[in-house]
Amino acid sequence: MMPLTYASAGQENVIKRVAGKPEVRQHLETMGFVVGAIITVISSVNGNLIVNVKNTRVALDQQLANKIMI
């Protein structure tokens, strides 16, 4: 397992774990970041990511991206 910030752009990955406080996990889960979901990194700038999850593009800062394990 590794944090989402280490994923290569364009490669599909499967979410294996979502870490953090319950409020943070709930926030990520409502955006579609659930265990088993397929996620693709579209672009990365200074650790901030634009990802595609469930056919939706979402921007994540580095802090939130580190809580998503693939």
PDB file of N, CA and C in Angstrom:
ATOM      1  N   MET A   1       0.833  -1.182   0.000  1.00  0.00           N
ATOM      2  CA  MET A   1       0.000   0.000   0.000  1.00  0.00           C
ATOM      3  C   MET A   1       0.878   1.246   0.000  1.00  0.00           C
ATOM      4  N   MET A   2       0.406   2.257  -0.713  1.00  0.00           N
ATOM      5  CA  MET A   2       1.113   3.534  -0.737  1.00  0.00           C
ATOM      6  C   MET A   2       0.098   4.665  -0.856  1.00  0.00           C
ATOM      7  N   PRO A   3       0.472   5.867  -0.433  1.00  0.00           N
ATOM      8  CA  PRO A   3      -0.456   6.995  -0.545  1.00  0.00           C
ATOM      9  C   PRO A   3      -0.708   7.356  -2.005  1.00  0.00           C
ATOM     10  N   LEU A   4      -1.834   7.955  -2.243  1.00  0.00           N
ATOM     11  CA  LEU A   4      -2.226   8.336  -3.604  1.00  0.00           C
ATOM     12  C   LEU A   4      -1.243   9.320  -4.224  1.00  0.00           C
ATOM     13  N   THR A   5      -0.548  10.101  -3.423  1.00  0.00           N
ATOM     14  CA  THR A   5       0.389  11.088  -3.965  1.00  0.00           C
ATOM     15  C   THR A   5       1.540  10.440  -4.729  1.00  0.00           C
ATOM     16  N   TYR A   6       1.805   9.162  -4.507  1.00  0.00           N
ATOM     17  CA  TYR A   6       2.879   8.460  -5.213  1.00  0.00           C
ATOM     18  C   TYR A   6       2.418   7.790  -6.505  1.00  0.00           C
ATOM     19  N   ALA A   7       1.150   7.873  -6.830  1.00  0.00           N
ATOM     20  CA  ALA A   7       0.636   7.220  -8.033  1.00  0.00           C
ATOM     21  C   ALA A   7       1.078   7.967  -9.285  1.00  0.00           C
ATOM     22  N   SER A   8       1.277   7.223 -10.352  1.00  0.00           N
ATOM     23  CA  SER A   8       1.653   7.818 -11.630  1.00  0.00           C
ATOM     24  C   SER A   8       0.408   8.314 -12.356  1.00  0.00           C
ATOM     25  N   ALA A   9       0.571   9.394 -13.091  1.00  0.00           N
ATOM     26  CA  ALA A   9      -0.548   9.955 -13.855  1.00  0.00           C
ATOM     27  C   ALA A   9      -0.953   8.987 -14.966  1.00  0.00           C
ATOM     28  N   GLY A  10      -2.251   8.820 -15.144  1.00  0.00           N
ATOM     29  CA  GLY A  10      -2.780   7.977 -16.204  1.00  0.00           C
ATOM     30  C   GLY A  10      -2.936   6.514 -15.844  1.00  0.00           C
ATOM     31  N   GLN A  11      -2.451   6.092 -14.708  1.00  0.00           N
ATOM     32  CA  GLN A  11      -2.523   4.690 -14.313  1.00  0.00           C
ATOM     33  C   GLN A  11      -3.713   4.474 -13.381  1.00  0.00           C
ATOM     34  N   GLU A  12      -4.507   3.441 -13.666  1.00  0.00           N
ATOM     35  CA  GLU A  12      -5.646   3.121 -12.809  1.00  0.00           C
ATOM     36  C   GLU A  12      -5.172   2.406 -11.548  1.00  0.00           C
ATOM     37  N   ASN A  13      -5.755   2.785 -10.413  1.00  0.00           N
ATOM     38  CA  ASN A  13      -5.433   2.169  -9.126  1.00  0.00           C
ATOM     39  C   ASN A  13      -6.730   1.878  -8.391  1.00  0.00           C
ATOM     40  N   VAL A  14      -6.656   0.986  -7.419  1.00  0.00           N
ATOM     41  CA  VAL A  14      -7.820   0.644  -6.602  1.00  0.00           C
ATOM     42  C   VAL A  14      -7.571   1.154  -5.188  1.00  0.00           C
ATOM     43  N   ILE A  15      -8.556   1.829  -4.618  1.00  0.00           N
ATOM     44  CA  ILE A  15      -8.438   2.333  -3.251  1.00  0.00           C
ATOM     45  C   ILE A  15      -8.512   1.146  -2.295  1.00  0.00           C
ATOM     46  N   LYS A  16      -7.509   1.029  -1.428  1.00  0.00           N
ATOM     47  CA  LYS A  16      -7.460  -0.078  -0.476  1.00  0.00           C
ATOM     48  C   LYS A  16      -7.809   0.359   0.938  1.00  0.00           C
ATOM     49  N   ARG A  17      -7.604   1.656   1.244  1.00  0.00           N
ATOM     50  CA  ARG A  17      -7.874   2.141   2.598  1.00  0.00           C
ATOM     51  C   ARG A  17      -8.006   3.654   2.569  1.00  0.00           C
ATOM     52  N   VAL A  18      -8.895   4.169   3.406  1.00  0.00           N
ATOM     53  CA  VAL A  18      -9.023   5.612   3.592  1.00  0.00           C
ATOM     54  C   VAL A  18      -8.752   5.884   5.064  1.00  0.00           C
ATOM     55  N   ALA A  19      -7.710   6.664   5.343  1.00  0.00           N
ATOM     56  CA  ALA A  19      -7.288   6.930   6.717  1.00  0.00           C
ATOM     57  C   ALA A  19      -7.790   8.302   7.160  1.00  0.00           C
ATOM     58  N   GLY A  20      -7.517   8.623   8.419  1.00  0.00           N
ATOM     59  CA  GLY A  20      -7.862   9.934   8.947  1.00  0.00           C
ATOM     60  C   GLY A  20      -8.935   9.864  10.009  1.00  0.00           C
ATOM     61  N   LYS A  21      -9.283  11.044  10.521  1.00  0.00           N
ATOM     62  CA  LYS A  21     -10.340  11.143  11.525  1.00  0.00           C
ATOM     63  C   LYS A  21     -11.670  10.763  10.885  1.00  0.00           C
ATOM     64  N   PRO A  22     -12.649  10.362  11.689  1.00  0.00           N
ATOM     65  CA  PRO A  22     -13.959   9.966  11.129  1.00  0.00           C
ATOM     66  C   PRO A  22     -14.595  11.044  10.255  1.00  0.00           C
ATOM     67  N   GLU A  23     -14.420  12.316  10.614  1.00  0.00           N
ATOM     68  CA  GLU A  23     -15.000  13.388   9.805  1.00  0.00           C
ATOM     69  C   GLU A  23     -14.353  13.460   8.427  1.00  0.00           C
ATOM     70  N   VAL A  24     -13.040  13.274   8.388  1.00  0.00           N
ATOM     71  CA  VAL A  24     -12.306  13.322   7.120  1.00  0.00           C
ATOM     72  C   VAL A  24     -12.679  12.127   6.255  1.00  0.00           C
ATOM     73  N   ARG A  25     -12.731  10.933   6.860  1.00  0.00           N
ATOM     74  CA  ARG A  25     -13.115   9.738   6.108  1.00  0.00           C
ATOM     75  C   ARG A  25     -14.517   9.883   5.533  1.00  0.00           C
ATOM     76  N   GLN A  26     -15.449  10.412   6.316  1.00  0.00           N
ATOM     77  CA  GLN A  26     -16.817  10.605   5.851  1.00  0.00           C
ATOM     78  C   GLN A  26     -16.847  11.587   4.680  1.00  0.00           C
ATOM     79  N   HIS A  27     -16.078  12.658   4.777  1.00  0.00           N
ATOM     80  CA  HIS A  27     -16.011  13.654   3.706  1.00  0.00           C
ATOM     81  C   HIS A  27     -15.504  13.024   2.412  1.00  0.00           C
ATOM     82  N   LEU A  28     -14.435  12.237   2.511  1.00  0.00           N
ATOM     83  CA  LEU A  28     -13.878  11.582   1.324  1.00  0.00           C
ATOM     84  C   LEU A  28     -14.851  10.547   0.756  1.00  0.00           C
ATOM     85  N   GLU A  29     -15.526   9.812   1.627  1.00  0.00           N
ATOM     86  CA  GLU A  29     -16.471   8.798   1.160  1.00  0.00           C
ATOM     87  C   GLU A  29     -17.654   9.421   0.440  1.00  0.00           C
ATOM     88  N   THR A  30     -18.113  10.587   0.868  1.00  0.00           N
ATOM     89  CA  THR A  30     -19.225  11.234   0.171  1.00  0.00           C
ATOM     90  C   THR A  30     -18.811  11.734  -1.206  1.00  0.00           C
ATOM     91  N   MET A  31     -17.505  11.949  -1.412  1.00  0.00           N
ATOM     92  CA  MET A  31     -17.014  12.354  -2.733  1.00  0.00           C
ATOM     93  C   MET A  31     -16.723  11.149  -3.628  1.00  0.00           C
ATOM     94  N   GLY A  32     -16.875   9.933  -3.094  1.00  0.00           N
ATOM     95  CA  GLY A  32     -16.679   8.736  -3.907  1.00  0.00           C
ATOM     96  C   GLY A  32     -15.410   7.974  -3.630  1.00  0.00           C
ATOM     97  N   PHE A  33     -14.613   8.412  -2.671  1.00  0.00           N
ATOM     98  CA  PHE A  33     -13.354   7.735  -2.339  1.00  0.00           C
ATOM     99  C   PHE A  33     -13.630   6.634  -1.327  1.00  0.00           C
ATOM    100  N   VAL A  34     -14.109   5.489  -1.821  1.00  0.00           N
ATOM    101  CA  VAL A  34     -14.439   4.355  -0.972  1.00  0.00           C
ATOM    102  C   VAL A  34     -13.536   3.182  -1.335  1.00  0.00           C
ATOM    103  N   VAL A  35     -13.369   2.260  -0.401  1.00  0.00           N
ATOM    104  CA  VAL A  35     -12.532   1.084  -0.627  1.00  0.00           C
ATOM    105  C   VAL A  35     -13.093   0.294  -1.812  1.00  0.00           C
ATOM    106  N   GLY A  36     -12.208  -0.057  -2.732  1.00  0.00           N
ATOM    107  CA  GLY A  36     -12.593  -0.816  -3.910  1.00  0.00           C
ATOM    108  C   GLY A  36     -12.862   0.035  -5.137  1.00  0.00           C
ATOM    109  N   ALA A  37     -12.957   1.344  -4.977  1.00  0.00           N
ATOM    110  CA  ALA A  37     -13.213   2.225  -6.121  1.00  0.00           C
ATOM    111  C   ALA A  37     -11.951   2.357  -6.966  1.00  0.00           C
ATOM    112  N   ILE A  38     -12.146   2.469  -8.268  1.00  0.00           N
ATOM    113  CA  ILE A  38     -11.019   2.662  -9.183  1.00  0.00           C
ATOM    114  C   ILE A  38     -10.765   4.158  -9.304  1.00  0.00           C
ATOM    115  N   ILE A  39      -9.498   4.540  -9.171  1.00  0.00           N
ATOM    116  CA  ILE A  39      -9.114   5.951  -9.189  1.00  0.00           C
ATOM    117  C   ILE A  39      -7.949   6.134 -10.146  1.00  0.00           C
ATOM    118  N   THR A  40      -7.984   7.217 -10.919  1.00  0.00           N
ATOM    119  CA  THR A  40      -6.929   7.524 -11.871  1.00  0.00           C
ATOM    120  C   THR A  40      -6.438   8.941 -11.624  1.00  0.00           C
ATOM    121  N   VAL A  41      -5.141   9.106 -11.509  1.00  0.00           N
ATOM    122  CA  VAL A  41      -4.560  10.437 -11.351  1.00  0.00           C
ATOM    123  C   VAL A  41      -4.482  11.083 -12.732  1.00  0.00           C
ATOM    124  N   ILE A  42      -5.100  12.251 -12.874  1.00  0.00           N
ATOM    125  CA  ILE A  42      -5.069  12.977 -14.143  1.00  0.00           C
ATOM    126  C   ILE A  42      -3.814  13.849 -14.209  1.00  0.00           C
ATOM    127  N   SER A  43      -3.569  14.630 -13.144  1.00  0.00           N
ATOM    128  CA  SER A  43      -2.366  15.451 -13.102  1.00  0.00           C
ATOM    129  C   SER A  43      -1.952  15.693 -11.654  1.00  0.00           C
ATOM    130  N   SER A  44      -0.687  16.056 -11.498  1.00  0.00           N
ATOM    131  CA  SER A  44      -0.132  16.306 -10.176  1.00  0.00           C
ATOM    132  C   SER A  44       0.770  17.534 -10.243  1.00  0.00           C
ATOM    133  N   VAL A  45       0.532  18.496  -9.332  1.00  0.00           N
ATOM    134  CA  VAL A  45       1.361  19.696  -9.251  1.00  0.00           C
ATOM    135  C   VAL A  45       1.689  19.937  -7.780  1.00  0.00           C
ATOM    136  N   ASN A  46       2.965  19.831  -7.427  1.00  0.00           N
ATOM    137  CA  ASN A  46       3.427  20.046  -6.053  1.00  0.00           C
ATOM    138  C   ASN A  46       2.681  19.199  -5.035  1.00  0.00           C
ATOM    139  N   GLY A  47       2.313  17.987  -5.382  1.00  0.00           N
ATOM    140  CA  GLY A  47       1.612  17.095  -4.461  1.00  0.00           C
ATOM    141  C   GLY A  47       0.101  17.228  -4.511  1.00  0.00           C
ATOM    142  N   ASN A  48      -0.412  18.308  -5.092  1.00  0.00           N
ATOM    143  CA  ASN A  48      -1.855  18.468  -5.259  1.00  0.00           C
ATOM    144  C   ASN A  48      -2.285  17.708  -6.510  1.00  0.00           C
ATOM    145  N   LEU A  49      -3.411  17.020  -6.423  1.00  0.00           N
ATOM    146  CA  LEU A  49      -3.812  16.121  -7.501  1.00  0.00           C
ATOM    147  C   LEU A  49      -5.162  16.477  -8.084  1.00  0.00           C
ATOM    148  N   ILE A  50      -5.317  16.153  -9.351  1.00  0.00           N
ATOM    149  CA  ILE A  50      -6.627  16.089  -9.978  1.00  0.00           C
ATOM    150  C   ILE A  50      -6.810  14.625 -10.328  1.00  0.00           C
ATOM    151  N   VAL A  51      -7.876  14.014  -9.798  1.00  0.00           N
ATOM    152  CA  VAL A  51      -8.102  12.584  -9.984  1.00  0.00           C
ATOM    153  C   VAL A  51      -9.465  12.345 -10.594  1.00  0.00           C
ATOM    154  N   ASN A  52      -9.601  11.193 -11.210  1.00  0.00           N
ATOM    155  CA  ASN A  52     -10.874  10.752 -11.764  1.00  0.00           C
ATOM    156  C   ASN A  52     -11.345   9.577 -10.920  1.00  0.00           C
ATOM    157  N   VAL A  53     -12.480   9.743 -10.248  1.00  0.00           N
ATOM    158  CA  VAL A  53     -13.058   8.674  -9.441  1.00  0.00           C
ATOM    159  C   VAL A  53     -14.543   8.617  -9.772  1.00  0.00           C
ATOM    160  N   LYS A  54     -15.020   7.442 -10.140  1.00  0.00           N
ATOM    161  CA  LYS A  54     -16.421   7.233 -10.506  1.00  0.00           C
ATOM    162  C   LYS A  54     -16.881   8.225 -11.569  1.00  0.00           C
ATOM    163  N   ASN A  55     -16.061   8.379 -12.622  1.00  0.00           N
ATOM    164  CA  ASN A  55     -16.349   9.255 -13.766  1.00  0.00           C
ATOM    165  C   ASN A  55     -16.536  10.710 -13.383  1.00  0.00           C
ATOM    166  N   THR A  56     -15.896  11.143 -12.313  1.00  0.00           N
ATOM    167  CA  THR A  56     -15.940  12.529 -11.872  1.00  0.00           C
ATOM    168  C   THR A  56     -14.520  12.990 -11.568  1.00  0.00           C
ATOM    169  N   ARG A  57     -14.175  14.190 -12.016  1.00  0.00           N
ATOM    170  CA  ARG A  57     -12.860  14.745 -11.703  1.00  0.00           C
ATOM    171  C   ARG A  57     -12.941  15.543 -10.414  1.00  0.00           C
ATOM    172  N   VAL A  58     -11.984  15.268  -9.519  1.00  0.00           N
ATOM    173  CA  VAL A  58     -11.950  15.913  -8.209  1.00  0.00           C
ATOM    174  C   VAL A  58     -10.530  16.399  -7.951  1.00  0.00           C
ATOM    175  N   ALA A  59     -10.407  17.621  -7.411  1.00  0.00           N
ATOM    176  CA  ALA A  59      -9.103  18.147  -7.018  1.00  0.00           C
ATOM    177  C   ALA A  59      -8.889  17.865  -5.535  1.00  0.00           C
ATOM    178  N   LEU A  60      -7.702  17.369  -5.201  1.00  0.00           N
ATOM    179  CA  LEU A  60      -7.343  17.063  -3.813  1.00  0.00           C
ATOM    180  C   LEU A  60      -6.035  17.749  -3.468  1.00  0.00           C
ATOM    181  N   ASP A  61      -5.951  18.309  -2.274  1.00  0.00           N
ATOM    182  CA  ASP A  61      -4.661  18.829  -1.840  1.00  0.00           C
ATOM    183  C   ASP A  61      -3.811  17.663  -1.338  1.00  0.00           C
ATOM    184  N   GLN A  62      -2.550  17.925  -1.124  1.00  0.00           N
ATOM    185  CA  GLN A  62      -1.618  16.864  -0.747  1.00  0.00           C
ATOM    186  C   GLN A  62      -2.004  16.209   0.573  1.00  0.00           C
ATOM    187  N   GLN A  63      -2.527  16.980   1.501  1.00  0.00           N
ATOM    188  CA  GLN A  63      -2.899  16.454   2.809  1.00  0.00           C
ATOM    189  C   GLN A  63      -3.993  15.397   2.695  1.00  0.00           C
ATOM    190  N   LEU A  64      -5.029  15.675   1.910  1.00  0.00           N
ATOM    191  CA  LEU A  64      -6.103  14.696   1.732  1.00  0.00           C
ATOM    192  C   LEU A  64      -5.638  13.510   0.888  1.00  0.00           C
ATOM    193  N   ALA A  65      -4.840  13.769  -0.129  1.00  0.00           N
ATOM    194  CA  ALA A  65      -4.363  12.690  -1.000  1.00  0.00           C
ATOM    195  C   ALA A  65      -3.514  11.685  -0.224  1.00  0.00           C
ATOM    196  N   ASN A  66      -2.799  12.142   0.799  1.00  0.00           N
ATOM    197  CA  ASN A  66      -1.979  11.229   1.603  1.00  0.00           C
ATOM    198  C   ASN A  66      -2.826  10.309   2.467  1.00  0.00           C
ATOM    199  N   LYS A  67      -4.068  10.616   2.679  1.00  0.00           N
ATOM    200  CA  LYS A  67      -4.959   9.775   3.493  1.00  0.00           C
ATOM    201  C   LYS A  67      -5.601   8.647   2.677  1.00  0.00           C
ATOM    202  N   ILE A  68      -5.475   8.711   1.357  1.00  0.00           N
ATOM    203  CA  ILE A  68      -6.043   7.685   0.480  1.00  0.00           C
ATOM    204  C   ILE A  68      -4.932   6.728   0.094  1.00  0.00           C
ATOM    205  N   MET A  69      -5.092   5.473   0.486  1.00  0.00           N
ATOM    206  CA  MET A  69      -4.067   4.463   0.225  1.00  0.00           C
ATOM    207  C   MET A  69      -4.487   3.582  -0.940  1.00  0.00           C
ATOM    208  N   ILE A  70      -3.522   3.344  -1.839  1.00  0.00           N
ATOM    209  CA  ILE A  70      -3.796   2.489  -3.009  1.00  0.00           C
ATOM    210  C   ILE A  70      -2.870   1.288  -2.986  1.00  0.00           C
TER     211      ILE A  70
END
